Amino acid sequence: MDFPGNSRFASFVRADFEYSRVEDHPLIASVLSPRKAEESAQRQSPVLVFWHGGGFVVGGRLYEPWWSEWLIEYALSQDAIIVAPDYRLLPEATGADIFDDVEAFWIWLHKSLPSLAQSNSWHAKPDLTRILCVGQSGGGSMAVHSALLHPEFNIKAIVSLYAPLYHNVPNLTVPRPRRILGTMPPPPRKAEGLIRSYIKQSKGSVRTGGDPLDMWELLLCLLQQGRLISLMNLKPDSRLDTPSLLRQVGKLPPLWLIHGEDDSVIPFKCSEMFLDELRVIAPSTSVLVSARTGEHNFDTSLTMKEDWIRNGCDFLSTHW
């Protein structure tokens, strides 16, 4: 499957696969292979697993406006195969449901992707001994959890972009009227009414994608009312406690942590507090921190010409 010429993914060939199924709803992963691989001899390519952002509520695996230019550029420079899964979203799902999907994806990746590459005669074959796990916003949590839940898969490095890695942060959990990405959400009483109405109407359904433009008001309401974390924890599950998981595993692959200091969606404090825990629990972890002036998703239009991004990619290349 080809992308339009003006797409950020125009240098890739796309193939979609069902990696799991929930109540007759398919969970899809897109595999993006470098187009230039078709012009060369067969070879092993490193794998970049990408978990999309959207506050666990909106977005989708190939929602282009939220894909960082530099990340696509870096993947191409490494001749990498990108694998981007969808997953169930809040508030129809819970955090436990989402991490069930994470588990199902990793099992599928290791059991099925090599044989799919073989049967479809891909020129670029996935090298599952070289995995880079990347996630934006909510997806950044899923990237870190992937390494903690599956150390046996030997993820070589992680990139966490403005993710809620630490939940006990007032700006994330305490309801209060506030401007988010330059916009004031509806007043608290109206916001609560919108949230309750949506939950009532969507009860029992499964959703794995959501247009941010169509669902933006709902996401703003959830953020303002401090509901994201409570919805994630609606079904108790030990996998949702990142610091506890880190203490159990005791280690983490090399981590490049990127976060805007002016983030009004996921407070920078979420990354700061996680780093404090990491330095105590796993002090030998190789970490590069890029704390930059900027809002949520501040890097999407940036390229590898930026010194700090080029340095971060060099950091990844030493481990991936």
C-alpha atoms as a PDB file:
ATOM      1  CA  MET A   1       0.000   0.000   0.000  1.00  0.00           C
ATOM      2  CA  ASP A   2       1.455   3.357  -1.067  1.00  0.00           C
ATOM      3  CA  PHE A   3       1.162   6.727   0.663  1.00  0.00           C
ATOM      4  CA  PRO A   4       0.417   9.967  -1.237  1.00  0.00           C
ATOM      5  CA  GLY A   5       3.484  11.839  -2.413  1.00  0.00           C
ATOM      6  CA  ASN A   6       2.951  14.639   0.138  1.00  0.00           C
ATOM      7  CA  SER A   7       2.683  12.253   3.082  1.00  0.00           C
ATOM      8  CA  ARG A   8       5.335  12.137   5.785  1.00  0.00           C
ATOM      9  CA  PHE A   9       5.367   8.397   5.142  1.00  0.00           C
ATOM     10  CA  ALA A  10       5.904   8.659   1.379  1.00  0.00           C
ATOM     11  CA  SER A  11       9.305   6.943   1.663  1.00  0.00           C
ATOM     12  CA  PHE A  12       7.692   3.825   3.151  1.00  0.00           C
ATOM     13  CA  VAL A  13       5.544   0.974   1.875  1.00  0.00           C
ATOM     14  CA  ARG A  14       2.642   0.108   4.189  1.00  0.00           C
ATOM     15  CA  ALA A  15       1.127  -3.218   5.136  1.00  0.00           C
ATOM     16  CA  ASP A  16      -1.617  -3.602   7.786  1.00  0.00           C
ATOM     17  CA  PHE A  17      -2.087  -6.669   9.962  1.00  0.00           C
ATOM     18  CA  GLU A  18      -4.523  -7.735  12.664  1.00  0.00           C
ATOM     19  CA  TYR A  19      -2.507  -8.524  15.766  1.00  0.00           C
ATOM     20  CA  SER A  20      -5.453  -9.266  18.042  1.00  0.00           C
ATOM     21  CA  ARG A  21      -9.230  -9.128  18.214  1.00  0.00           C
ATOM     22  CA  VAL A  22     -11.538  -7.927  20.979  1.00  0.00           C
ATOM     23  CA  GLU A  23     -15.286  -8.592  20.732  1.00  0.00           C
ATOM     24  CA  ASP A  24     -15.052  -8.888  16.937  1.00  0.00           C
ATOM     25  CA  HIS A  25     -13.140  -5.595  16.785  1.00  0.00           C
ATOM     26  CA  PRO A  26      -9.745  -6.029  15.063  1.00  0.00           C
ATOM     27  CA  LEU A  27      -6.643  -4.463  16.587  1.00  0.00           C
ATOM     28  CA  ILE A  28      -4.416  -3.352  13.716  1.00  0.00           C
ATOM     29  CA  ALA A  29      -0.677  -2.742  13.416  1.00  0.00           C
ATOM     30  CA  SER A  30       0.816  -0.997  10.398  1.00  0.00           C
ATOM     31  CA  VAL A  31       4.232  -2.127   9.186  1.00  0.00           C
ATOM     32  CA  LEU A  32       6.148   0.554   7.281  1.00  0.00           C
ATOM     33  CA  SER A  33       9.106  -0.734   5.267  1.00  0.00           C
ATOM     34  CA  PRO A  34      11.581   1.690   3.666  1.00  0.00           C
ATOM     35  CA  ARG A  35      10.749   2.002  -0.025  1.00  0.00           C
ATOM     36  CA  LYS A  36      14.430   1.939  -0.963  1.00  0.00           C
ATOM     37  CA  ALA A  37      14.653  -1.587   0.491  1.00  0.00           C
ATOM     38  CA  GLU A  38      12.708  -2.803  -2.532  1.00  0.00           C
ATOM     39  CA  GLU A  39      15.587  -1.686  -4.739  1.00  0.00           C
ATOM     40  CA  SER A  40      18.282  -3.568  -2.842  1.00  0.00           C
ATOM     41  CA  ALA A  41      19.142  -7.115  -1.856  1.00  0.00           C
ATOM     42  CA  GLN A  42      17.275  -8.707   1.045  1.00  0.00           C
ATOM     43  CA  ARG A  43      18.675  -7.723   4.418  1.00  0.00           C
ATOM     44  CA  GLN A  44      17.899  -7.585   8.112  1.00  0.00           C
ATOM     45  CA  SER A  45      16.513  -4.239   9.292  1.00  0.00           C
ATOM     46  CA  PRO A  46      16.190  -2.908  12.833  1.00  0.00           C
ATOM     47  CA  VAL A  47      12.655  -2.430  14.130  1.00  0.00           C
ATOM     48  CA  LEU A  48      11.147   0.785  15.527  1.00  0.00           C
ATOM     49  CA  VAL A  49       7.951   0.140  17.506  1.00  0.00           C
ATOM     50  CA  PHE A  50       5.844   3.292  17.794  1.00  0.00           C
ATOM     51  CA  TRP A  51       3.023   3.813  20.326  1.00  0.00           C
ATOM     52  CA  HIS A  52       0.875   6.784  19.333  1.00  0.00           C
ATOM     53  CA  GLY A  53      -0.192   9.539  21.680  1.00  0.00           C
ATOM     54  CA  GLY A  54      -3.522  11.215  22.358  1.00  0.00           C
ATOM     55  CA  GLY A  55      -3.949  11.037  26.116  1.00  0.00           C
ATOM     56  CA  PHE A  56      -5.144   7.411  25.803  1.00  0.00           C
ATOM     57  CA  VAL A  57      -8.330   8.960  24.359  1.00  0.00           C
ATOM     58  CA  VAL A  58      -7.764  10.166  20.776  1.00  0.00           C
ATOM     59  CA  GLY A  59      -5.377   9.690  17.875  1.00  0.00           C
ATOM     60  CA  GLY A  60      -4.337   6.660  15.898  1.00  0.00           C
ATOM     61  CA  ARG A  61      -1.283   4.765  14.773  1.00  0.00           C
ATOM     62  CA  LEU A  62      -0.725   6.806  11.592  1.00  0.00           C
ATOM     63  CA  TYR A  63      -2.167  10.185  12.583  1.00  0.00           C
ATOM     64  CA  GLU A  64       0.431  12.203  10.684  1.00  0.00           C
ATOM     65  CA  PRO A  65       0.230  15.619  12.413  1.00  0.00           C
ATOM     66  CA  TRP A  66       1.559  14.055  15.618  1.00  0.00           C
ATOM     67  CA  TRP A  67       4.415  12.116  14.024  1.00  0.00           C
ATOM     68  CA  SER A  68       7.689  13.975  14.537  1.00  0.00           C
ATOM     69  CA  GLU A  69       9.567  14.812  11.345  1.00  0.00           C
ATOM     70  CA  TRP A  70      12.893  13.947  12.966  1.00  0.00           C
ATOM     71  CA  LEU A  71      11.689  10.489  14.024  1.00  0.00           C
ATOM     72  CA  ILE A  72      10.733   9.526  10.471  1.00  0.00           C
ATOM     73  CA  GLU A  73      14.022  10.979   9.227  1.00  0.00           C
ATOM     74  CA  TYR A  74      15.975   8.978  11.803  1.00  0.00           C
ATOM     75  CA  ALA A  75      14.138   5.742  11.006  1.00  0.00           C
ATOM     76  CA  LEU A  76      14.990   6.173   7.322  1.00  0.00           C
ATOM     77  CA  SER A  77      18.633   6.885   8.146  1.00  0.00           C
ATOM     78  CA  GLN A  78      18.767   3.532   9.942  1.00  0.00           C
ATOM     79  CA  ASP A  79      16.856   1.635   7.209  1.00  0.00           C
ATOM     80  CA  ALA A  80      14.420   0.700   9.972  1.00  0.00           C
ATOM     81  CA  ILE A  81      11.075  -1.041   9.713  1.00  0.00           C
ATOM     82  CA  ILE A  82       8.425   0.872  11.681  1.00  0.00           C
ATOM     83  CA  VAL A  83       5.669  -1.103  13.394  1.00  0.00           C
ATOM     84  CA  ALA A  84       2.841   1.066  14.735  1.00  0.00           C
ATOM     85  CA  PRO A  85      -0.082  -0.578  16.570  1.00  0.00           C
ATOM     86  CA  ASP A  86      -3.461   0.796  17.512  1.00  0.00           C
ATOM     87  CA  TYR A  87      -4.924  -0.093  20.905  1.00  0.00           C
ATOM     88  CA  ARG A  88      -8.172   0.355  22.783  1.00  0.00           C
ATOM     89  CA  LEU A  89      -8.865   3.879  24.034  1.00  0.00           C
ATOM     90  CA  LEU A  90     -10.442   5.547  27.053  1.00  0.00           C
ATOM     91  CA  PRO A  91     -13.096   5.972  28.279  1.00  0.00           C
ATOM     92  CA  GLU A  92     -14.582   2.928  26.540  1.00  0.00           C
ATOM     93  CA  ALA A  93     -11.563   0.890  27.720  1.00  0.00           C
ATOM     94  CA  THR A  94      -9.589   0.908  30.961  1.00  0.00           C
ATOM     95  CA  GLY A  95      -5.849   0.991  31.561  1.00  0.00           C
ATOM     96  CA  ALA A  96      -5.926  -2.765  32.172  1.00  0.00           C
ATOM     97  CA  ASP A  97      -7.539  -3.263  28.753  1.00  0.00           C
ATOM     98  CA  ILE A  98      -4.879  -1.107  27.117  1.00  0.00           C
ATOM     99  CA  PHE A  99      -2.058  -3.105  28.668  1.00  0.00           C
ATOM    100  CA  ASP A 100      -3.751  -6.334  27.603  1.00  0.00           C
ATOM    101  CA  ASP A 101      -3.398  -4.957  24.070  1.00  0.00           C
ATOM    102  CA  VAL A 102       0.262  -4.126  24.702  1.00  0.00           C
ATOM    103  CA  GLU A 103       0.858  -7.730  25.766  1.00  0.00           C
ATOM    104  CA  ALA A 104      -1.008  -9.101  22.744  1.00  0.00           C
ATOM    105  CA  PHE A 105       0.993  -6.889  20.394  1.00  0.00           C
ATOM    106  CA  TRP A 106       4.401  -8.017  21.657  1.00  0.00           C
ATOM    107  CA  ILE A 107       3.401 -11.670  21.441  1.00  0.00           C
ATOM    108  CA  TRP A 108       2.196 -11.129  17.857  1.00  0.00           C
ATOM    109  CA  LEU A 109       5.341  -9.195  16.916  1.00  0.00           C
ATOM    110  CA  HIS A 110       7.663 -11.999  17.956  1.00  0.00           C
ATOM    111  CA  LYS A 111       5.532 -14.947  16.892  1.00  0.00           C
ATOM    112  CA  SER A 112       4.087 -13.682  13.613  1.00  0.00           C
ATOM    113  CA  LEU A 113       6.058 -10.805  12.091  1.00  0.00           C
ATOM    114  CA  PRO A 114       9.077 -12.863  10.906  1.00  0.00           C
ATOM    115  CA  SER A 115       6.848 -15.399   9.147  1.00  0.00           C
ATOM    116  CA  LEU A 116       4.776 -12.602   7.589  1.00  0.00           C
ATOM    117  CA  ALA A 117       7.962 -11.057   6.232  1.00  0.00           C
ATOM    118  CA  GLN A 118       8.969 -14.421   4.801  1.00  0.00           C
ATOM    119  CA  SER A 119       5.607 -15.259   3.240  1.00  0.00           C
ATOM    120  CA  ASN A 120       5.258 -11.783   1.716  1.00  0.00           C
ATOM    121  CA  SER A 121       8.851 -11.800   0.397  1.00  0.00           C
ATOM    122  CA  TRP A 122       9.799  -8.519   2.021  1.00  0.00           C
ATOM    123  CA  HIS A 123      13.190  -7.193   0.964  1.00  0.00           C
ATOM    124  CA  ALA A 124      13.679  -5.769   4.447  1.00  0.00           C
ATOM    125  CA  LYS A 125      13.349  -8.516   7.070  1.00  0.00           C
ATOM    126  CA  PRO A 126      12.706  -7.464  10.693  1.00  0.00           C
ATOM    127  CA  ASP A 127      15.649  -7.990  13.045  1.00  0.00           C
ATOM    128  CA  LEU A 128      13.888  -8.531  16.364  1.00  0.00           C
ATOM    129  CA  THR A 129      17.184  -8.490  18.237  1.00  0.00           C
ATOM    130  CA  ARG A 130      17.335  -4.746  17.479  1.00  0.00           C
ATOM    131  CA  ILE A 131      14.173  -3.038  18.714  1.00  0.00           C
ATOM    132  CA  LEU A 132      13.790   0.656  19.511  1.00  0.00           C
ATOM    133  CA  CYS A 133      10.548   1.439  21.372  1.00  0.00           C
ATOM    134  CA  VAL A 134       9.160   4.963  20.950  1.00  0.00           C
ATOM    135  CA  GLY A 135       6.036   6.562  22.363  1.00  0.00           C
ATOM    136  CA  GLN A 136       4.465  10.011  22.390  1.00  0.00           C
ATOM    137  CA  SER A 137       2.346  11.305  25.274  1.00  0.00           C
ATOM    138  CA  GLY A 138       0.264   8.360  26.525  1.00  0.00           C
ATOM    139  CA  GLY A 139       2.231   6.175  24.138  1.00  0.00           C
ATOM    140  CA  GLY A 140       5.437   7.102  25.964  1.00  0.00           C
ATOM    141  CA  SER A 141       4.093   5.318  29.029  1.00  0.00           C
ATOM    142  CA  MET A 142       3.389   2.287  26.863  1.00  0.00           C
ATOM    143  CA  ALA A 143       6.938   2.346  25.490  1.00  0.00           C
ATOM    144  CA  VAL A 144       8.419   2.320  29.004  1.00  0.00           C
ATOM    145  CA  HIS A 145       5.936  -0.317  30.179  1.00  0.00           C
ATOM    146  CA  SER A 146       6.800  -2.496  27.186  1.00  0.00           C
ATOM    147  CA  ALA A 147      10.367  -2.763  28.437  1.00  0.00           C
ATOM    148  CA  LEU A 148       9.314  -3.323  32.048  1.00  0.00           C
ATOM    149  CA  LEU A 149       6.670  -5.944  31.243  1.00  0.00           C
ATOM    150  CA  HIS A 150       8.793  -7.774  28.680  1.00  0.00           C
ATOM    151  CA  PRO A 151      12.498  -7.613  29.560  1.00  0.00           C
ATOM    152  CA  GLU A 152      12.866 -10.947  27.734  1.00  0.00           C
ATOM    153  CA  PHE A 153      12.295  -9.172  24.398  1.00  0.00           C
ATOM    154  CA  ASN A 154      15.520  -7.236  24.913  1.00  0.00           C
ATOM    155  CA  ILE A 155      14.384  -3.783  23.780  1.00  0.00           C
ATOM    156  CA  LYS A 156      17.608  -1.922  23.021  1.00  0.00           C
ATOM    157  CA  ALA A 157      16.455   1.626  23.813  1.00  0.00           C
ATOM    158  CA  ILE A 158      13.367   3.714  24.580  1.00  0.00           C
ATOM    159  CA  VAL A 159      12.266   7.192  23.531  1.00  0.00           C
ATOM    160  CA  SER A 160       9.638   8.756  25.791  1.00  0.00           C
ATOM    161  CA  LEU A 161       8.137  11.982  24.478  1.00  0.00           C
ATOM    162  CA  TYR A 162       6.188  14.124  26.990  1.00  0.00           C
ATOM    163  CA  ALA A 163       4.644  11.088  28.677  1.00  0.00           C
ATOM    164  CA  PRO A 164       2.709  10.688  31.959  1.00  0.00           C
ATOM    165  CA  LEU A 165       5.363   8.395  33.437  1.00  0.00           C
ATOM    166  CA  TYR A 166       4.519   9.422  36.995  1.00  0.00           C
ATOM    167  CA  HIS A 167       0.845   9.803  37.897  1.00  0.00           C
ATOM    168  CA  ASN A 168       0.821  11.402  41.338  1.00  0.00           C
ATOM    169  CA  VAL A 169       1.209  14.963  40.046  1.00  0.00           C
ATOM    170  CA  PRO A 170      -1.463  17.530  41.063  1.00  0.00           C
ATOM    171  CA  ASN A 171      -1.647  19.198  37.645  1.00  0.00           C
ATOM    172  CA  LEU A 172      -2.531  15.792  36.207  1.00  0.00           C
ATOM    173  CA  THR A 173      -4.963  14.566  38.860  1.00  0.00           C
ATOM    174  CA  VAL A 174      -6.549  17.581  40.608  1.00  0.00           C
ATOM    175  CA  PRO A 175      -9.572  19.147  38.859  1.00  0.00           C
ATOM    176  CA  ARG A 176      -9.229  22.864  38.190  1.00  0.00           C
ATOM    177  CA  PRO A 177     -10.110  25.293  35.400  1.00  0.00           C
ATOM    178  CA  ARG A 178      -6.977  25.822  33.300  1.00  0.00           C
ATOM    179  CA  ARG A 179      -5.888  26.737  29.807  1.00  0.00           C
ATOM    180  CA  ILE A 180      -4.752  23.696  27.791  1.00  0.00           C
ATOM    181  CA  LEU A 181      -2.818  24.236  24.570  1.00  0.00           C
ATOM    182  CA  GLY A 182      -4.103  27.796  24.516  1.00  0.00           C
ATOM    183  CA  THR A 183      -7.762  26.807  24.930  1.00  0.00           C
ATOM    184  CA  MET A 184     -10.050  27.033  27.944  1.00  0.00           C
ATOM    185  CA  PRO A 185     -12.182  23.875  28.345  1.00  0.00           C
ATOM    186  CA  PRO A 186     -15.857  24.240  29.250  1.00  0.00           C
ATOM    187  CA  PRO A 187     -16.598  25.262  32.861  1.00  0.00           C
ATOM    188  CA  PRO A 188     -16.208  22.365  35.346  1.00  0.00           C
ATOM    189  CA  ARG A 189     -19.929  21.586  35.733  1.00  0.00           C
ATOM    190  CA  LYS A 190     -20.479  21.516  31.972  1.00  0.00           C
ATOM    191  CA  ALA A 191     -17.264  19.522  31.493  1.00  0.00           C
ATOM    192  CA  GLU A 192     -18.437  16.857  33.956  1.00  0.00           C
ATOM    193  CA  GLY A 193     -21.779  16.667  32.164  1.00  0.00           C
ATOM    194  CA  LEU A 194     -20.079  16.153  28.798  1.00  0.00           C
ATOM    195  CA  ILE A 195     -17.862  13.421  30.239  1.00  0.00           C
ATOM    196  CA  ARG A 196     -20.760  11.565  31.867  1.00  0.00           C
ATOM    197  CA  SER A 197     -22.898  11.833  28.743  1.00  0.00           C
ATOM    198  CA  TYR A 198     -20.147  10.417  26.538  1.00  0.00           C
ATOM    199  CA  ILE A 199     -19.416   7.538  28.931  1.00  0.00           C
ATOM    200  CA  LYS A 200     -23.120   6.663  29.132  1.00  0.00           C
ATOM    201  CA  GLN A 201     -23.560   6.686  25.344  1.00  0.00           C
ATOM    202  CA  SER A 202     -20.401   4.693  24.594  1.00  0.00           C
ATOM    203  CA  LYS A 203     -20.713   2.080  27.347  1.00  0.00           C
ATOM    204  CA  GLY A 204     -19.894  -1.414  26.140  1.00  0.00           C
ATOM    205  CA  SER A 205     -18.329  -0.320  22.850  1.00  0.00           C
ATOM    206  CA  VAL A 206     -14.756  -0.829  21.625  1.00  0.00           C
ATOM    207  CA  ARG A 207     -12.851   2.041  20.016  1.00  0.00           C
ATOM    208  CA  THR A 208      -9.252   2.063  18.756  1.00  0.00           C
ATOM    209  CA  GLY A 209      -9.112   5.448  17.071  1.00  0.00           C
ATOM    210  CA  GLY A 210     -10.466   8.939  17.487  1.00  0.00           C
ATOM    211  CA  ASP A 211     -10.089  12.042  15.345  1.00  0.00           C
ATOM    212  CA  PRO A 212      -8.513  14.657  17.633  1.00  0.00           C
ATOM    213  CA  LEU A 213     -10.489  17.422  15.930  1.00  0.00           C
ATOM    214  CA  ASP A 214     -13.813  15.679  16.521  1.00  0.00           C
ATOM    215  CA  MET A 215     -13.019  14.581  20.088  1.00  0.00           C
ATOM    216  CA  TRP A 216     -10.918  17.513  21.249  1.00  0.00           C
ATOM    217  CA  GLU A 217     -13.542  18.925  23.603  1.00  0.00           C
ATOM    218  CA  LEU A 218     -13.902  15.587  25.391  1.00  0.00           C
ATOM    219  CA  LEU A 219     -10.134  15.301  25.846  1.00  0.00           C
ATOM    220  CA  LEU A 220      -9.914  18.868  27.202  1.00  0.00           C
ATOM    221  CA  CYS A 221     -12.707  18.106  29.660  1.00  0.00           C
ATOM    222  CA  LEU A 222     -10.989  14.931  30.871  1.00  0.00           C
ATOM    223  CA  LEU A 223      -7.696  16.777  31.340  1.00  0.00           C
ATOM    224  CA  GLN A 224      -9.223  19.733  33.162  1.00  0.00           C
ATOM    225  CA  GLN A 225     -11.258  17.490  35.458  1.00  0.00           C
ATOM    226  CA  GLY A 226      -8.255  15.300  36.288  1.00  0.00           C
ATOM    227  CA  ARG A 227     -10.077  12.203  35.026  1.00  0.00           C
ATOM    228  CA  LEU A 228      -7.442  10.497  32.842  1.00  0.00           C
ATOM    229  CA  ILE A 229      -5.674   8.682  35.652  1.00  0.00           C
ATOM    230  CA  SER A 230      -8.892   7.656  37.428  1.00  0.00           C
ATOM    231  CA  LEU A 231     -10.242   6.240  34.156  1.00  0.00           C
ATOM    232  CA  MET A 232      -6.983   4.374  33.582  1.00  0.00           C
ATOM    233  CA  ASN A 233      -7.269   2.861  37.065  1.00  0.00           C
ATOM    234  CA  LEU A 234     -10.973   2.033  36.873  1.00  0.00           C
ATOM    235  CA  LYS A 235     -10.068  -1.653  36.762  1.00  0.00           C
ATOM    236  CA  PRO A 236      -7.269  -2.237  39.331  1.00  0.00           C
ATOM    237  CA  ASP A 237      -4.146  -3.694  37.731  1.00  0.00           C
ATOM    238  CA  SER A 238      -0.588  -3.810  39.075  1.00  0.00           C
ATOM    239  CA  ARG A 239       0.780  -3.106  35.576  1.00  0.00           C
ATOM    240  CA  LEU A 240      -0.441   0.487  35.845  1.00  0.00           C
ATOM    241  CA  ASP A 241       1.967   1.384  38.672  1.00  0.00           C
ATOM    242  CA  THR A 242       5.146   2.392  36.825  1.00  0.00           C
ATOM    243  CA  PRO A 243       7.408   2.970  39.874  1.00  0.00           C
ATOM    244  CA  SER A 244       6.304  -0.359  41.381  1.00  0.00           C
ATOM    245  CA  LEU A 245       7.033  -2.167  38.108  1.00  0.00           C
ATOM    246  CA  LEU A 246      10.421  -0.505  37.960  1.00  0.00           C
ATOM    247  CA  ARG A 247      11.197  -1.665  41.487  1.00  0.00           C
ATOM    248  CA  GLN A 248      10.223  -5.247  40.574  1.00  0.00           C
ATOM    249  CA  VAL A 249      12.315  -5.373  37.400  1.00  0.00           C
ATOM    250  CA  GLY A 250      15.167  -3.258  38.740  1.00  0.00           C
ATOM    251  CA  LYS A 251      16.412  -2.102  35.350  1.00  0.00           C
ATOM    252  CA  LEU A 252      15.449  -0.228  32.214  1.00  0.00           C
ATOM    253  CA  PRO A 253      17.009  -0.055  28.736  1.00  0.00           C
ATOM    254  CA  PRO A 254      18.770   3.172  27.733  1.00  0.00           C
ATOM    255  CA  LEU A 255      16.211   5.974  27.791  1.00  0.00           C
ATOM    256  CA  TRP A 256      15.978   9.245  25.860  1.00  0.00           C
ATOM    257  CA  LEU A 257      13.397  11.333  27.677  1.00  0.00           C
ATOM    258  CA  ILE A 258      11.995  14.381  25.872  1.00  0.00           C
ATOM    259  CA  HIS A 259       9.566  16.809  27.472  1.00  0.00           C
ATOM    260  CA  GLY A 260       8.549  20.438  26.985  1.00  0.00           C
ATOM    261  CA  GLU A 261       8.941  22.492  30.134  1.00  0.00           C
ATOM    262  CA  ASP A 262       5.769  24.469  29.294  1.00  0.00           C
ATOM    263  CA  ASP A 263       3.606  21.399  28.657  1.00  0.00           C
ATOM    264  CA  SER A 264      -0.019  22.184  29.583  1.00  0.00           C
ATOM    265  CA  VAL A 265      -1.281  18.658  28.749  1.00  0.00           C
ATOM    266  CA  ILE A 266       1.150  16.345  30.556  1.00  0.00           C
ATOM    267  CA  PRO A 267       3.099  18.355  33.153  1.00  0.00           C
ATOM    268  CA  PHE A 268       6.881  18.276  32.900  1.00  0.00           C
ATOM    269  CA  LYS A 269       6.791  17.209  36.549  1.00  0.00           C
ATOM    270  CA  CYS A 270       5.634  13.744  35.386  1.00  0.00           C
ATOM    271  CA  SER A 271       9.005  13.159  33.748  1.00  0.00           C
ATOM    272  CA  GLU A 272      10.943  14.799  36.575  1.00  0.00           C
ATOM    273  CA  MET A 273       9.362  12.589  39.235  1.00  0.00           C
ATOM    274  CA  PHE A 274       9.906   9.444  37.159  1.00  0.00           C
ATOM    275  CA  LEU A 275      13.566  10.357  36.708  1.00  0.00           C
ATOM    276  CA  ASP A 276      13.921  10.789  40.477  1.00  0.00           C
ATOM    277  CA  GLU A 277      12.543   7.256  40.958  1.00  0.00           C
ATOM    278  CA  LEU A 278      14.733   5.845  38.191  1.00  0.00           C
ATOM    279  CA  ARG A 279      17.912   7.316  39.655  1.00  0.00           C
ATOM    280  CA  VAL A 280      17.165   5.660  42.997  1.00  0.00           C
ATOM    281  CA  ILE A 281      15.912   2.282  41.747  1.00  0.00           C
ATOM    282  CA  ALA A 282      18.118   1.764  38.676  1.00  0.00           C
ATOM    283  CA  PRO A 283      20.960   4.284  38.898  1.00  0.00           C
ATOM    284  CA  SER A 284      23.038   2.500  36.251  1.00  0.00           C
ATOM    285  CA  THR A 285      20.422   3.174  33.542  1.00  0.00           C
ATOM    286  CA  SER A 286      21.810   5.186  30.663  1.00  0.00           C
ATOM    287  CA  VAL A 287      19.583   8.270  30.381  1.00  0.00           C
ATOM    288  CA  LEU A 288      19.577  11.306  28.124  1.00  0.00           C
ATOM    289  CA  VAL A 289      17.190  14.067  29.191  1.00  0.00           C
ATOM    290  CA  SER A 290      16.062  16.716  26.705  1.00  0.00           C
ATOM    291  CA  ALA A 291      14.063  19.253  28.707  1.00  0.00           C
ATOM    292  CA  ARG A 292      13.198  21.951  26.194  1.00  0.00           C
ATOM    293  CA  THR A 293      11.222  25.165  26.153  1.00  0.00           C
ATOM    294  CA  GLY A 294       7.933  24.271  24.549  1.00  0.00           C
ATOM    295  CA  GLU A 295       4.402  22.913  24.740  1.00  0.00           C
ATOM    296  CA  HIS A 296       3.042  19.423  24.261  1.00  0.00           C
ATOM    297  CA  ASN A 297       4.047  17.978  20.854  1.00  0.00           C
ATOM    298  CA  PHE A 298       6.576  20.812  20.489  1.00  0.00           C
ATOM    299  CA  ASP A 299       8.921  18.709  18.330  1.00  0.00           C
ATOM    300  CA  THR A 300       6.617  17.480  15.565  1.00  0.00           C
ATOM    301  CA  SER A 301       7.941  19.891  12.901  1.00  0.00           C
ATOM    302  CA  LEU A 302      11.599  19.665  13.953  1.00  0.00           C
ATOM    303  CA  THR A 303      14.242  17.757  12.004  1.00  0.00           C
ATOM    304  CA  MET A 304      17.613  16.175  12.692  1.00  0.00           C
ATOM    305  CA  LYS A 305      19.233  19.515  11.853  1.00  0.00           C
ATOM    306  CA  GLU A 306      18.546  20.518  15.457  1.00  0.00           C
ATOM    307  CA  ASP A 307      21.703  19.940  17.501  1.00  0.00           C
ATOM    308  CA  TRP A 308      19.870  18.453  20.484  1.00  0.00           C
ATOM    309  CA  ILE A 309      17.921  16.047  18.263  1.00  0.00           C
ATOM    310  CA  ARG A 310      21.051  14.987  16.394  1.00  0.00           C
ATOM    311  CA  ASN A 311      22.760  14.354  19.735  1.00  0.00           C
ATOM    312  CA  GLY A 312      19.781  12.302  20.894  1.00  0.00           C
ATOM    313  CA  CYS A 313      19.818  10.206  17.728  1.00  0.00           C
ATOM    314  CA  ASP A 314      23.541   9.593  18.229  1.00  0.00           C
ATOM    315  CA  PHE A 315      22.715   8.414  21.749  1.00  0.00           C
ATOM    316  CA  LEU A 316      20.151   5.979  20.353  1.00  0.00           C
ATOM    317  CA  SER A 317      22.514   4.711  17.653  1.00  0.00           C
ATOM    318  CA  THR A 318      25.079   3.659  20.245  1.00  0.00           C
ATOM    319  CA  HIS A 319      22.511   1.285  21.791  1.00  0.00           C
ATOM    320  CA  TRP A 320      20.137   0.273  18.977  1.00  0.00           C
END
